Amino acid sequence: MISRFGATVILILIVLTACTRFKEPNAIWEFKTGYPVTATPVVSEEHVYIGSDKFYCLDRRTGRVVWQFGTHSTVSSTAAIIDGCVYFQCGGLYCLDAATGKLRWELWQEDWSDNSPAVADGFVYAVINKKVYCLNAKDGKEIWKVELRDNISAPIVAEGSVYLWGDGELFSLNARSGDILWKMNIEIQPLPIVAQGRVFITDKNKALCIDAKNGNILWSNDFNYSYPARLAVSRGRVFVRADVLYCFNSASGKLEWKSDLGKRLTGIALVSDSYLFVRSNDSRVNCLNQATGTRLWDVQAPAGRWTIADGNIFVSSTDYKIYCLKTPEK
């Protein structure tokens, strides 16, 4: 016979075991918010910036709240942090002091927007409905605005140009004037990466290298995939996450290697130092050697948007949490 006390102890042990079982085994820390987290964590110096039910600044090492900022709704915009300021959109465009969370300025228009802004060279670029805005980063004063079309993607700014996609067209705008430099038909929304005067994108089953000045295609290479692929660029190589991983020479487009991990790959690919990181559908982050495509290790990670910083993996998840995960090697 088991006494009532003994039964209670067993029940407690079962509950504790269940809690341990579902805890992320590689977590250095985890922080619970009040809403599913869909933005990408941004790590800057000693802090992690992320939006959810509020906008949070967390200590990078402990996950403790440094400050929090209340908004009119939940935050799905990924923040941009530069020169001591945090920029994000949640209906309007906010600029906060990165150290204290104090509001510096905000911009509200008639339309609500959750797009992620971009910041470069003292200017903030934001998309609100059909319009692209360029604002002074210090005070939010409008420099220029351009109306393009519905469903414009978040801006990507690099090397003096602003890249946006909408309804089957990729646009390149002059970052100082807003003038359209060129546009081209791209069926599936790309995530352009710009390096050394070239724009790298994927369109259906093709990897494209485009001249950033005029939009001319410098090289194109096919891969076997029918869904949106994602790419990363590092050290003269273009890495395409498709059905398998492809590595092309960034100058010539020549295939250098192809790596099949034996499982379906998902999401974006990230690069750090000489490593390439990619998610797979078995809830693992896989680390590969950039030069050879050889898998070095993998680690369990919850589903969600993620980034790599200081040898750790930071993940935002729809289970209301942000995780900092350790890796086998930094």
Protein backbone atom coordinates (compact mmCIF):
# COMPACT_ATOMS: atom_id res chain seq x y z
CA MET A 1 0.00 0.00 0.00
CA ILE A 2 1.21 3.50 -0.84
CA SER A 3 0.40 6.16 1.73
CA ARG A 4 -1.25 9.42 0.78
CA PHE A 5 2.09 11.14 1.46
CA GLY A 6 3.91 8.66 -0.79
CA ALA A 7 1.38 9.13 -3.58
CA THR A 8 1.82 12.89 -3.34
CA VAL A 9 5.60 12.55 -3.60
CA ILE A 10 5.26 10.30 -6.67
CA LEU A 11 2.88 12.78 -8.30
CA ILE A 12 5.34 15.63 -7.69
CA LEU A 13 8.17 13.58 -9.17
CA ILE A 14 6.10 12.83 -12.27
CA VAL A 15 5.31 16.53 -12.74
CA LEU A 16 8.96 17.51 -12.28
CA THR A 17 10.05 14.82 -14.73
CA ALA A 18 7.56 16.07 -17.33
CA CYS A 19 8.74 19.65 -16.90
CA THR A 20 12.36 18.59 -17.30
CA ARG A 21 11.54 16.52 -20.36
CA PHE A 22 10.03 19.46 -22.22
CA LYS A 23 12.71 21.98 -21.22
CA GLU A 24 15.15 22.85 -23.99
CA PRO A 25 18.26 20.84 -23.02
CA ASN A 26 20.67 23.35 -24.55
CA ALA A 27 19.09 26.48 -23.07
CA ILE A 28 21.38 28.91 -21.27
CA TRP A 29 18.26 30.91 -20.48
CA GLU A 30 14.70 31.34 -21.67
CA PHE A 31 12.38 34.32 -21.29
CA LYS A 32 8.60 34.11 -21.45
CA THR A 33 6.60 36.93 -23.02
CA GLY A 34 2.85 37.52 -23.11
CA TYR A 35 2.33 36.61 -26.76
CA PRO A 36 3.76 34.29 -29.47
CA VAL A 37 7.05 35.75 -30.70
CA THR A 38 7.33 36.06 -34.48
CA ALA A 39 10.09 38.67 -34.89
CA THR A 40 13.77 37.77 -35.19
CA PRO A 41 15.88 38.46 -32.07
CA VAL A 42 18.50 41.15 -32.63
CA VAL A 43 21.69 40.96 -30.57
CA SER A 44 23.65 44.17 -30.11
CA GLU A 45 26.55 44.37 -27.70
CA GLU A 46 25.27 43.07 -24.33
CA HIS A 47 21.56 43.10 -25.15
CA VAL A 48 18.89 41.20 -27.07
CA TYR A 49 16.07 43.25 -28.60
CA ILE A 50 12.74 41.59 -29.43
CA GLY A 51 9.07 42.47 -29.80
CA SER A 52 6.06 40.49 -28.56
CA ASP A 53 3.22 41.73 -26.32
CA LYS A 54 5.66 44.57 -25.57
CA PHE A 55 9.04 45.51 -26.91
CA TYR A 56 11.79 44.07 -24.72
CA CYS A 57 15.47 44.70 -24.14
CA LEU A 58 17.03 41.67 -22.41
CA ASP A 59 20.45 41.05 -20.95
CA ARG A 60 22.26 38.86 -23.47
CA ARG A 61 23.92 36.67 -20.84
CA THR A 62 21.03 36.15 -18.41
CA GLY A 63 17.79 36.90 -20.30
CA ARG A 64 16.68 39.32 -17.61
CA VAL A 65 14.65 42.38 -18.61
CA VAL A 66 16.73 45.55 -18.88
CA TRP A 67 13.73 47.62 -20.00
CA GLN A 68 10.39 47.17 -21.72
CA PHE A 69 8.25 49.48 -23.83
CA GLY A 70 4.47 49.23 -24.12
CA THR A 71 2.89 49.54 -27.58
CA HIS A 72 -0.66 49.80 -28.93
CA SER A 73 -0.58 46.19 -30.15
CA THR A 74 1.68 43.17 -30.40
CA VAL A 75 5.03 43.65 -32.15
CA SER A 76 5.97 41.44 -35.10
CA SER A 77 8.53 43.81 -36.66
CA THR A 78 12.20 42.89 -36.38
CA ALA A 79 14.13 45.80 -34.90
CA ALA A 80 17.07 47.70 -36.34
CA ILE A 81 19.68 48.90 -33.82
CA ILE A 82 22.29 51.48 -34.71
CA ASP A 83 24.02 54.47 -33.07
CA GLY A 84 22.34 53.92 -29.72
CA CYS A 85 18.80 53.79 -31.11
CA VAL A 86 16.22 51.03 -31.65
CA TYR A 87 13.82 51.28 -34.59
CA PHE A 88 10.74 49.11 -35.13
CA GLN A 89 7.21 49.34 -36.50
CA CYS A 90 3.98 48.55 -34.69
CA GLY A 91 1.28 50.54 -36.39
CA GLY A 92 3.63 53.51 -36.39
CA LEU A 93 7.41 53.72 -36.59
CA TYR A 94 9.18 54.03 -33.23
CA CYS A 95 12.65 55.25 -32.33
CA LEU A 96 13.73 54.37 -28.78
CA ASP A 97 16.91 54.97 -26.81
CA ALA A 98 18.69 51.60 -26.89
CA ALA A 99 20.04 51.94 -23.35
CA THR A 100 16.91 53.14 -21.55
CA GLY A 101 13.92 52.37 -23.80
CA LYS A 102 12.86 56.03 -23.69
CA LEU A 103 10.90 57.20 -26.74
CA ARG A 104 12.91 59.59 -28.91
CA TRP A 105 10.37 60.03 -31.73
CA GLU A 106 7.58 58.25 -33.54
CA LEU A 107 5.88 58.49 -36.93
CA TRP A 108 2.21 57.69 -37.51
CA GLN A 109 0.41 57.66 -40.86
CA GLU A 110 -3.15 56.75 -41.79
CA ASP A 111 -2.18 53.15 -42.53
CA TRP A 112 -1.03 50.59 -39.97
CA SER A 113 2.27 48.85 -40.69
CA ASP A 114 4.21 45.97 -39.12
CA ASN A 115 7.05 45.92 -41.65
CA SER A 116 10.61 45.88 -40.37
CA PRO A 117 12.53 49.13 -40.98
CA ALA A 118 16.11 49.44 -42.21
CA VAL A 119 18.72 51.98 -41.10
CA ALA A 120 21.84 53.11 -42.96
CA ASP A 121 24.06 56.20 -43.10
CA GLY A 122 21.90 58.25 -40.74
CA PHE A 123 18.58 57.48 -42.45
CA VAL A 124 15.64 55.20 -41.62
CA TYR A 125 13.73 53.46 -44.41
CA ALA A 126 10.22 52.20 -43.75
CA VAL A 127 7.34 50.82 -45.82
CA ILE A 128 3.79 51.88 -44.94
CA ASN A 129 1.16 50.50 -47.29
CA LYS A 130 2.18 51.53 -50.84
CA LYS A 131 4.76 54.11 -49.81
CA VAL A 132 8.46 53.92 -49.00
CA TYR A 133 9.69 56.57 -46.55
CA CYS A 134 13.20 57.87 -45.97
CA LEU A 135 13.51 59.71 -42.64
CA ASN A 136 16.26 61.41 -40.72
CA ALA A 137 17.31 58.84 -38.12
CA LYS A 138 17.85 61.45 -35.39
CA ASP A 139 14.50 63.24 -35.44
CA GLY A 140 12.22 61.32 -37.83
CA LYS A 141 11.86 64.21 -40.29
CA GLU A 142 10.84 63.10 -43.77
CA ILE A 143 13.56 63.24 -46.45
CA TRP A 144 11.55 61.65 -49.27
CA LYS A 145 8.73 59.25 -49.94
CA VAL A 146 7.86 57.20 -53.01
CA GLU A 147 4.62 55.42 -53.80
CA LEU A 148 5.14 52.07 -55.50
CA ARG A 149 2.29 49.56 -55.18
CA ASP A 150 0.43 47.32 -52.74
CA ASN A 151 2.10 44.59 -50.69
CA ILE A 152 5.62 46.01 -50.72
CA SER A 153 8.16 43.99 -48.72
CA ALA A 154 10.32 45.35 -45.93
CA PRO A 155 13.25 47.40 -47.28
CA ILE A 156 16.81 46.13 -47.49
CA VAL A 157 19.45 48.87 -47.71
CA ALA A 158 23.02 48.31 -48.88
CA GLU A 159 25.71 50.19 -50.79
CA GLY A 160 23.58 53.27 -51.45
CA SER A 161 20.46 51.47 -52.70
CA VAL A 162 17.11 50.36 -51.25
CA TYR A 163 15.74 47.02 -52.43
CA LEU A 164 12.05 46.14 -52.24
CA TRP A 165 9.78 43.54 -53.78
CA GLY A 166 6.10 43.81 -54.61
CA ASP A 167 3.66 41.93 -56.83
CA GLY A 168 6.28 40.15 -58.90
CA GLU A 169 8.83 42.95 -59.28
CA LEU A 170 12.11 43.69 -57.52
CA PHE A 171 12.90 47.42 -57.22
CA SER A 172 16.21 49.17 -56.65
CA LEU A 173 15.88 52.77 -55.43
CA ASN A 174 18.53 55.41 -54.90
CA ALA A 175 18.83 55.62 -51.11
CA ARG A 176 19.36 59.41 -51.11
CA SER A 177 16.67 60.48 -53.59
CA GLY A 178 14.18 57.62 -53.83
CA ASP A 179 14.55 57.50 -57.63
CA ILE A 180 13.98 54.08 -59.19
CA LEU A 181 17.32 52.87 -60.53
CA TRP A 182 15.98 49.66 -62.06
CA LYS A 183 13.35 46.98 -61.64
CA MET A 184 13.00 43.41 -62.81
CA ASN A 185 10.42 40.64 -62.81
CA ILE A 186 10.94 38.21 -59.92
CA GLU A 187 8.06 35.83 -59.30
CA ILE A 188 8.68 34.85 -55.67
CA GLN A 189 9.61 37.38 -52.99
CA PRO A 190 13.39 37.22 -52.54
CA LEU A 191 15.55 38.24 -49.59
CA PRO A 192 18.30 40.10 -51.47
CA ILE A 193 21.86 40.02 -50.21
CA VAL A 194 24.20 42.72 -51.49
CA ALA A 195 27.98 42.35 -51.57
CA GLN A 196 30.68 44.13 -53.55
CA GLY A 197 28.36 45.74 -56.08
CA ARG A 198 26.32 42.60 -56.70
CA VAL A 199 22.83 41.57 -55.65
CA PHE A 200 22.24 37.88 -54.95
CA ILE A 201 18.70 36.48 -54.96
CA THR A 202 16.78 33.31 -55.65
CA ASP A 203 13.75 33.08 -57.94
CA LYS A 204 11.97 29.73 -57.91
CA ASN A 205 14.69 27.23 -58.92
CA LYS A 206 17.39 29.72 -59.90
CA ALA A 207 20.18 31.52 -58.07
CA LEU A 208 20.83 34.92 -59.66
CA CYS A 209 23.74 37.35 -59.45
CA ILE A 210 22.72 40.86 -60.52
CA ASP A 211 24.76 43.98 -61.20
CA ALA A 212 23.66 46.42 -58.48
CA LYS A 213 24.12 49.44 -60.78
CA ASN A 214 21.86 48.48 -63.67
CA GLY A 215 19.99 45.28 -62.80
CA ASN A 216 21.72 43.18 -65.47
CA ILE A 217 22.03 39.48 -64.69
CA LEU A 218 25.72 38.54 -64.40
CA TRP A 219 25.13 34.83 -63.90
CA SER A 220 22.33 32.39 -63.23
CA ASN A 221 22.49 28.84 -61.96
CA ASP A 222 19.73 26.27 -61.59
CA PHE A 223 19.01 24.02 -58.64
CA ASN A 224 16.37 21.38 -58.10
CA TYR A 225 13.70 23.08 -55.97
CA SER A 226 10.21 24.45 -56.51
CA TYR A 227 9.62 26.31 -53.22
CA PRO A 228 11.13 29.58 -51.97
CA ALA A 229 14.85 29.00 -51.38
CA ARG A 230 16.99 31.18 -49.12
CA LEU A 231 20.61 32.15 -49.46
CA ALA A 232 23.60 33.51 -47.61
CA VAL A 233 26.83 35.07 -48.90
CA SER A 234 30.27 34.82 -47.32
CA ARG A 235 33.94 34.75 -48.37
CA GLY A 236 33.33 34.65 -52.10
CA ARG A 237 30.63 32.00 -51.89
CA VAL A 238 26.84 31.97 -52.27
CA PHE A 239 25.03 29.35 -50.19
CA VAL A 240 21.53 28.34 -51.27
CA ARG A 241 19.21 26.51 -48.91
CA ALA A 242 16.91 24.45 -51.14
CA ASP A 243 16.16 20.72 -51.10
CA VAL A 244 19.85 20.34 -50.31
CA LEU A 245 22.58 22.92 -49.73
CA TYR A 246 24.32 24.41 -52.75
CA CYS A 247 27.51 26.45 -52.74
CA PHE A 248 28.27 28.62 -55.79
CA ASN A 249 31.30 30.77 -56.47
CA SER A 250 30.02 34.34 -56.08
CA ALA A 251 32.10 35.69 -58.99
CA SER A 252 31.44 33.01 -61.60
CA GLY A 253 28.37 31.13 -60.39
CA LYS A 254 30.23 27.84 -60.65
CA LEU A 255 28.99 25.10 -58.31
CA GLU A 256 31.67 24.40 -55.67
CA TRP A 257 29.84 21.78 -53.62
CA LYS A 258 26.44 20.29 -52.84
CA SER A 259 25.56 18.83 -49.46
CA ASP A 260 22.58 16.60 -48.67
CA LEU A 261 21.93 16.36 -44.93
CA GLY A 262 19.34 13.64 -45.43
CA LYS A 263 16.46 15.71 -44.05
CA ARG A 264 14.27 18.60 -45.17
CA LEU A 265 15.82 22.01 -44.65
CA THR A 266 13.80 25.06 -43.61
CA GLY A 267 14.08 28.81 -43.18
CA ILE A 268 17.04 31.02 -43.82
CA ALA A 269 20.72 30.11 -43.86
CA LEU A 270 23.16 32.05 -41.66
CA VAL A 271 26.93 32.51 -41.84
CA SER A 272 29.37 33.28 -39.06
CA ASP A 273 33.15 33.19 -39.38
CA SER A 274 33.93 30.09 -41.49
CA TYR A 275 30.67 28.31 -40.62
CA LEU A 276 27.29 27.92 -42.31
CA PHE A 277 24.17 27.32 -40.21
CA VAL A 278 20.85 25.93 -41.43
CA ARG A 279 17.68 24.62 -39.79
CA SER A 280 16.15 21.21 -40.52
CA ASN A 281 12.65 19.87 -39.92
CA ASP A 282 13.79 17.64 -37.04
CA SER A 283 14.19 20.74 -34.82
CA ARG A 284 17.97 20.89 -35.26
CA VAL A 285 20.37 23.67 -36.20
CA ASN A 286 23.14 22.20 -38.34
CA CYS A 287 26.63 23.69 -38.53
CA LEU A 288 28.69 23.11 -41.70
CA ASN A 289 32.13 24.02 -42.93
CA GLN A 290 31.73 26.77 -45.54
CA ALA A 291 34.58 25.53 -47.73
CA THR A 292 33.50 21.88 -47.99
CA GLY A 293 29.86 21.58 -46.89
CA THR A 294 30.83 18.99 -44.28
CA ARG A 295 28.49 18.92 -41.29
CA LEU A 296 30.45 19.55 -38.09
CA TRP A 297 27.67 19.28 -35.53
CA ASP A 298 23.97 19.85 -34.92
CA VAL A 299 21.99 20.94 -31.89
CA GLN A 300 18.34 20.85 -30.85
CA ALA A 301 16.46 24.15 -31.13
CA PRO A 302 12.76 25.04 -30.97
CA ALA A 303 10.98 26.18 -34.11
CA GLY A 304 11.06 29.91 -34.72
CA ARG A 305 13.15 32.76 -36.08
CA TRP A 306 16.75 32.77 -34.98
CA THR A 307 20.15 34.35 -35.16
CA ILE A 308 23.74 33.50 -34.19
CA ALA A 309 25.82 35.75 -31.91
CA ASP A 310 28.92 35.11 -29.83
CA GLY A 311 28.69 31.37 -30.48
CA ASN A 312 25.15 31.12 -29.13
CA ILE A 313 21.81 30.65 -30.90
CA PHE A 314 18.99 33.07 -30.06
CA VAL A 315 15.51 31.82 -31.02
CA SER A 316 12.11 33.47 -30.87
CA SER A 317 9.25 31.00 -30.68
CA THR A 318 5.48 30.88 -30.97
CA ASP A 319 5.46 29.17 -27.55
CA TYR A 320 5.73 32.74 -26.14
CA LYS A 321 9.45 32.37 -25.36
CA ILE A 322 12.86 33.65 -26.41
CA TYR A 323 15.72 31.19 -25.96
CA CYS A 324 19.46 31.52 -25.73
CA LEU A 325 21.01 28.15 -26.64
CA LYS A 326 24.55 26.95 -26.22
CA THR A 327 26.34 25.21 -29.08
CA PRO A 328 28.91 22.38 -29.00
CA GLU A 329 31.57 24.80 -30.25
CA LYS A 330 31.74 28.60 -30.17
